[in-house]
Amino acid sequence: MGKRSFVPLFWTLFSVGGVVAAFLIPIHLFLFGLAFPLGWIQPPTYERLLALARLPLVRLYLFVLCSLPLFHWAHRFRYTLYDGLQVKHLNELIILGTYGGAIVGTLVAGYLLWSL
C-alpha cells in the first residue's frame, strides 16, 4: 500500500475553517463589539451567558468556532511562509509550528470548554 498523504485533510480543515471564520465570527463581533455595547440589543447577563455556555450543543458550537479557524490560519500561514518568504526548505519545522499550534489551541479550547 502506498504512502498516505494528509494534504487533503489539511485542505478540508482550511476550507471549513474559512467558512466558519467568514460566517460566524462576524456575527459575534457585531453582537459583542457593537450591538451590546451601544445598547442596540439588551445584553445578556454573565450568569445567562455562563448557563448557555454549559449546554452541550453550545459547547460544541464554541469548540468549532474556536478550533476550525485555527486550522484555517495554520494552512494559510504555512503557504504564506512558503510563497512569500521562500522557506520551503524548513517544511517540517513550519508544519510542526503551524499545525502543531492549531492542535494545541484546539486542545486548550476543548479543555476550557470542558471545564466550564
C-alpha atoms as a PDB file:
ATOM      1  CA  MET A   1       0.000   0.000   0.000  1.00  0.00           C
ATOM      2  CA  GLY A   2       1.331   3.449  -0.905  1.00  0.00           C
ATOM      3  CA  LYS A   3       2.190   6.294   1.430  1.00  0.00           C
ATOM      4  CA  ARG A   4      -0.872   8.209   2.574  1.00  0.00           C
ATOM      5  CA  SER A   5      -0.899  11.975   2.496  1.00  0.00           C
ATOM      6  CA  PHE A   6      -2.532  14.291   4.998  1.00  0.00           C
ATOM      7  CA  VAL A   7      -2.744  17.113   2.447  1.00  0.00           C
ATOM      8  CA  PRO A   8      -6.468  16.553   1.650  1.00  0.00           C
ATOM      9  CA  LEU A   9      -7.272  16.676   5.382  1.00  0.00           C
ATOM     10  CA  PHE A  10      -5.388  19.966   5.775  1.00  0.00           C
ATOM     11  CA  TRP A  11      -7.166  21.478   2.764  1.00  0.00           C
ATOM     12  CA  THR A  12     -10.527  20.359   4.188  1.00  0.00           C
ATOM     13  CA  LEU A  13      -9.773  21.918   7.571  1.00  0.00           C
ATOM     14  CA  PHE A  14      -8.618  25.071   5.767  1.00  0.00           C
ATOM     15  CA  SER A  15     -11.852  25.281   3.808  1.00  0.00           C
ATOM     16  CA  VAL A  16     -14.217  24.577   6.687  1.00  0.00           C
ATOM     17  CA  GLY A  17     -12.258  26.881   8.978  1.00  0.00           C
ATOM     18  CA  GLY A  18     -12.532  29.660   6.418  1.00  0.00           C
ATOM     19  CA  VAL A  19     -16.295  29.227   6.178  1.00  0.00           C
ATOM     20  CA  VAL A  20     -16.637  29.285   9.962  1.00  0.00           C
ATOM     21  CA  ALA A  21     -14.413  32.360  10.199  1.00  0.00           C
ATOM     22  CA  ALA A  22     -16.260  34.162   7.416  1.00  0.00           C
ATOM     23  CA  PHE A  23     -19.808  33.481   8.578  1.00  0.00           C
ATOM     24  CA  LEU A  24     -19.805  33.015  12.343  1.00  0.00           C
ATOM     25  CA  ILE A  25     -17.076  35.274  13.731  1.00  0.00           C
ATOM     26  CA  PRO A  26     -18.584  38.487  12.226  1.00  0.00           C
ATOM     27  CA  ILE A  27     -21.862  37.698  13.993  1.00  0.00           C
ATOM     28  CA  HIS A  28     -20.088  37.510  17.343  1.00  0.00           C
ATOM     29  CA  LEU A  29     -18.074  40.637  16.600  1.00  0.00           C
ATOM     30  CA  PHE A  30     -21.246  42.523  15.734  1.00  0.00           C
ATOM     31  CA  LEU A  31     -23.092  41.383  18.858  1.00  0.00           C
ATOM     32  CA  PHE A  32     -20.307  41.743  21.431  1.00  0.00           C
ATOM     33  CA  GLY A  33     -18.440  44.603  19.737  1.00  0.00           C
ATOM     34  CA  LEU A  34     -21.276  46.861  18.592  1.00  0.00           C
ATOM     35  CA  ALA A  35     -24.841  45.828  19.377  1.00  0.00           C
ATOM     36  CA  PHE A  36     -24.450  45.112  23.107  1.00  0.00           C
ATOM     37  CA  PRO A  37     -22.034  47.965  23.997  1.00  0.00           C
ATOM     38  CA  LEU A  38     -24.017  50.565  22.046  1.00  0.00           C
ATOM     39  CA  GLY A  39     -27.317  49.430  23.552  1.00  0.00           C
ATOM     40  CA  TRP A  40     -28.920  48.372  20.274  1.00  0.00           C
ATOM     41  CA  ILE A  41     -29.739  44.995  21.842  1.00  0.00           C
ATOM     42  CA  GLN A  42     -30.156  44.241  25.529  1.00  0.00           C
ATOM     43  CA  PRO A  43     -27.027  42.298  26.561  1.00  0.00           C
ATOM     44  CA  PRO A  44     -27.418  39.014  28.408  1.00  0.00           C
ATOM     45  CA  THR A  45     -26.192  38.797  31.969  1.00  0.00           C
ATOM     46  CA  TYR A  46     -22.997  36.970  32.819  1.00  0.00           C
ATOM     47  CA  GLU A  47     -24.963  34.237  34.572  1.00  0.00           C
ATOM     48  CA  ARG A  48     -27.162  33.744  31.497  1.00  0.00           C
ATOM     49  CA  LEU A  49     -24.144  33.506  29.174  1.00  0.00           C
ATOM     50  CA  LEU A  50     -22.457  31.043  31.518  1.00  0.00           C
ATOM     51  CA  ALA A  51     -25.610  28.910  31.731  1.00  0.00           C
ATOM     52  CA  LEU A  52     -25.855  28.983  27.937  1.00  0.00           C
ATOM     53  CA  ALA A  53     -22.193  28.022  27.542  1.00  0.00           C
ATOM     54  CA  ARG A  54     -22.731  24.987  29.770  1.00  0.00           C
ATOM     55  CA  LEU A  55     -25.200  23.427  27.332  1.00  0.00           C
ATOM     56  CA  PRO A  56     -23.570  20.585  25.356  1.00  0.00           C
ATOM     57  CA  LEU A  57     -24.692  21.849  21.942  1.00  0.00           C
ATOM     58  CA  VAL A  58     -23.403  25.356  22.703  1.00  0.00           C
ATOM     59  CA  ARG A  59     -20.093  23.896  23.885  1.00  0.00           C
ATOM     60  CA  LEU A  60     -19.796  22.036  20.597  1.00  0.00           C
ATOM     61  CA  TYR A  61     -20.606  25.245  18.693  1.00  0.00           C
ATOM     62  CA  LEU A  62     -17.992  27.211  20.656  1.00  0.00           C
ATOM     63  CA  PHE A  63     -15.438  24.437  20.125  1.00  0.00           C
ATOM     64  CA  VAL A  64     -15.998  24.579  16.356  1.00  0.00           C
ATOM     65  CA  LEU A  65     -15.902  28.389  16.483  1.00  0.00           C
ATOM     66  CA  CYS A  66     -12.503  28.274  18.208  1.00  0.00           C
ATOM     67  CA  SER A  67     -10.777  25.305  16.596  1.00  0.00           C
ATOM     68  CA  LEU A  68     -11.577  25.349  12.879  1.00  0.00           C
ATOM     69  CA  PRO A  69     -10.388  28.936  12.262  1.00  0.00           C
ATOM     70  CA  LEU A  70      -7.101  27.936  13.907  1.00  0.00           C
ATOM     71  CA  PHE A  71      -6.586  25.297  11.223  1.00  0.00           C
ATOM     72  CA  HIS A  72      -7.553  27.839   8.569  1.00  0.00           C
ATOM     73  CA  TRP A  73      -4.889  30.160   9.959  1.00  0.00           C
ATOM     74  CA  ALA A  74      -2.303  27.374  10.125  1.00  0.00           C
ATOM     75  CA  HIS A  75      -2.777  26.387   6.498  1.00  0.00           C
ATOM     76  CA  ARG A  76      -2.827  29.980   5.253  1.00  0.00           C
ATOM     77  CA  PHE A  77       0.233  30.939   7.295  1.00  0.00           C
ATOM     78  CA  ARG A  78       2.109  27.852   6.151  1.00  0.00           C
ATOM     79  CA  TYR A  79       1.635  28.686   2.486  1.00  0.00           C
ATOM     80  CA  THR A  80       2.321  32.368   3.125  1.00  0.00           C
ATOM     81  CA  LEU A  81       5.707  31.372   4.503  1.00  0.00           C
ATOM     82  CA  TYR A  82       6.334  29.079   1.539  1.00  0.00           C
ATOM     83  CA  ASP A  83       5.319  31.547  -1.150  1.00  0.00           C
ATOM     84  CA  GLY A  84       6.250  34.865   0.433  1.00  0.00           C
ATOM     85  CA  LEU A  85       9.470  34.062   2.222  1.00  0.00           C
ATOM     86  CA  GLN A  86      10.558  31.116   0.071  1.00  0.00           C
ATOM     87  CA  VAL A  87      11.371  28.898   3.057  1.00  0.00           C
ATOM     88  CA  LYS A  88      10.280  25.535   1.665  1.00  0.00           C
ATOM     89  CA  HIS A  89      13.491  24.021   2.993  1.00  0.00           C
ATOM     90  CA  LEU A  90      12.010  24.376   6.513  1.00  0.00           C
ATOM     91  CA  ASN A  91       8.961  22.295   5.580  1.00  0.00           C
ATOM     92  CA  GLU A  92       8.887  20.015   8.632  1.00  0.00           C
ATOM     93  CA  LEU A  93       9.509  22.851  11.086  1.00  0.00           C
ATOM     94  CA  ILE A  94       6.791  25.005   9.534  1.00  0.00           C
ATOM     95  CA  ILE A  95       4.283  22.149   9.538  1.00  0.00           C
ATOM     96  CA  LEU A  96       5.085  21.401  13.175  1.00  0.00           C
ATOM     97  CA  GLY A  97       4.776  25.058  14.174  1.00  0.00           C
ATOM     98  CA  THR A  98       1.593  25.892  12.297  1.00  0.00           C
ATOM     99  CA  TYR A  99      -0.482  22.735  12.595  1.00  0.00           C
ATOM    100  CA  GLY A 100       1.018  21.964  15.988  1.00  0.00           C
ATOM    101  CA  GLY A 101      -0.079  25.403  17.160  1.00  0.00           C
ATOM    102  CA  ALA A 102      -3.573  24.780  15.806  1.00  0.00           C
ATOM    103  CA  ILE A 103      -3.717  21.412  17.569  1.00  0.00           C
ATOM    104  CA  VAL A 104      -2.529  22.926  20.858  1.00  0.00           C
ATOM    105  CA  GLY A 105      -5.070  25.747  20.518  1.00  0.00           C
ATOM    106  CA  THR A 106      -7.799  23.209  19.827  1.00  0.00           C
ATOM    107  CA  LEU A 107      -6.814  21.170  22.881  1.00  0.00           C
ATOM    108  CA  VAL A 108      -6.788  24.294  25.068  1.00  0.00           C
ATOM    109  CA  ALA A 109     -10.221  25.337  23.767  1.00  0.00           C
ATOM    110  CA  GLY A 110     -11.564  21.836  24.407  1.00  0.00           C
ATOM    111  CA  TYR A 111     -10.146  21.794  27.929  1.00  0.00           C
ATOM    112  CA  LEU A 112     -11.542  25.234  28.772  1.00  0.00           C
ATOM    113  CA  LEU A 113     -14.981  24.394  27.395  1.00  0.00           C
ATOM    114  CA  TRP A 114     -14.988  21.016  29.145  1.00  0.00           C
ATOM    115  CA  SER A 115     -14.122  22.634  32.482  1.00  0.00           C
ATOM    116  CA  LEU A 116     -16.943  25.221  32.442  1.00  0.00           C
END
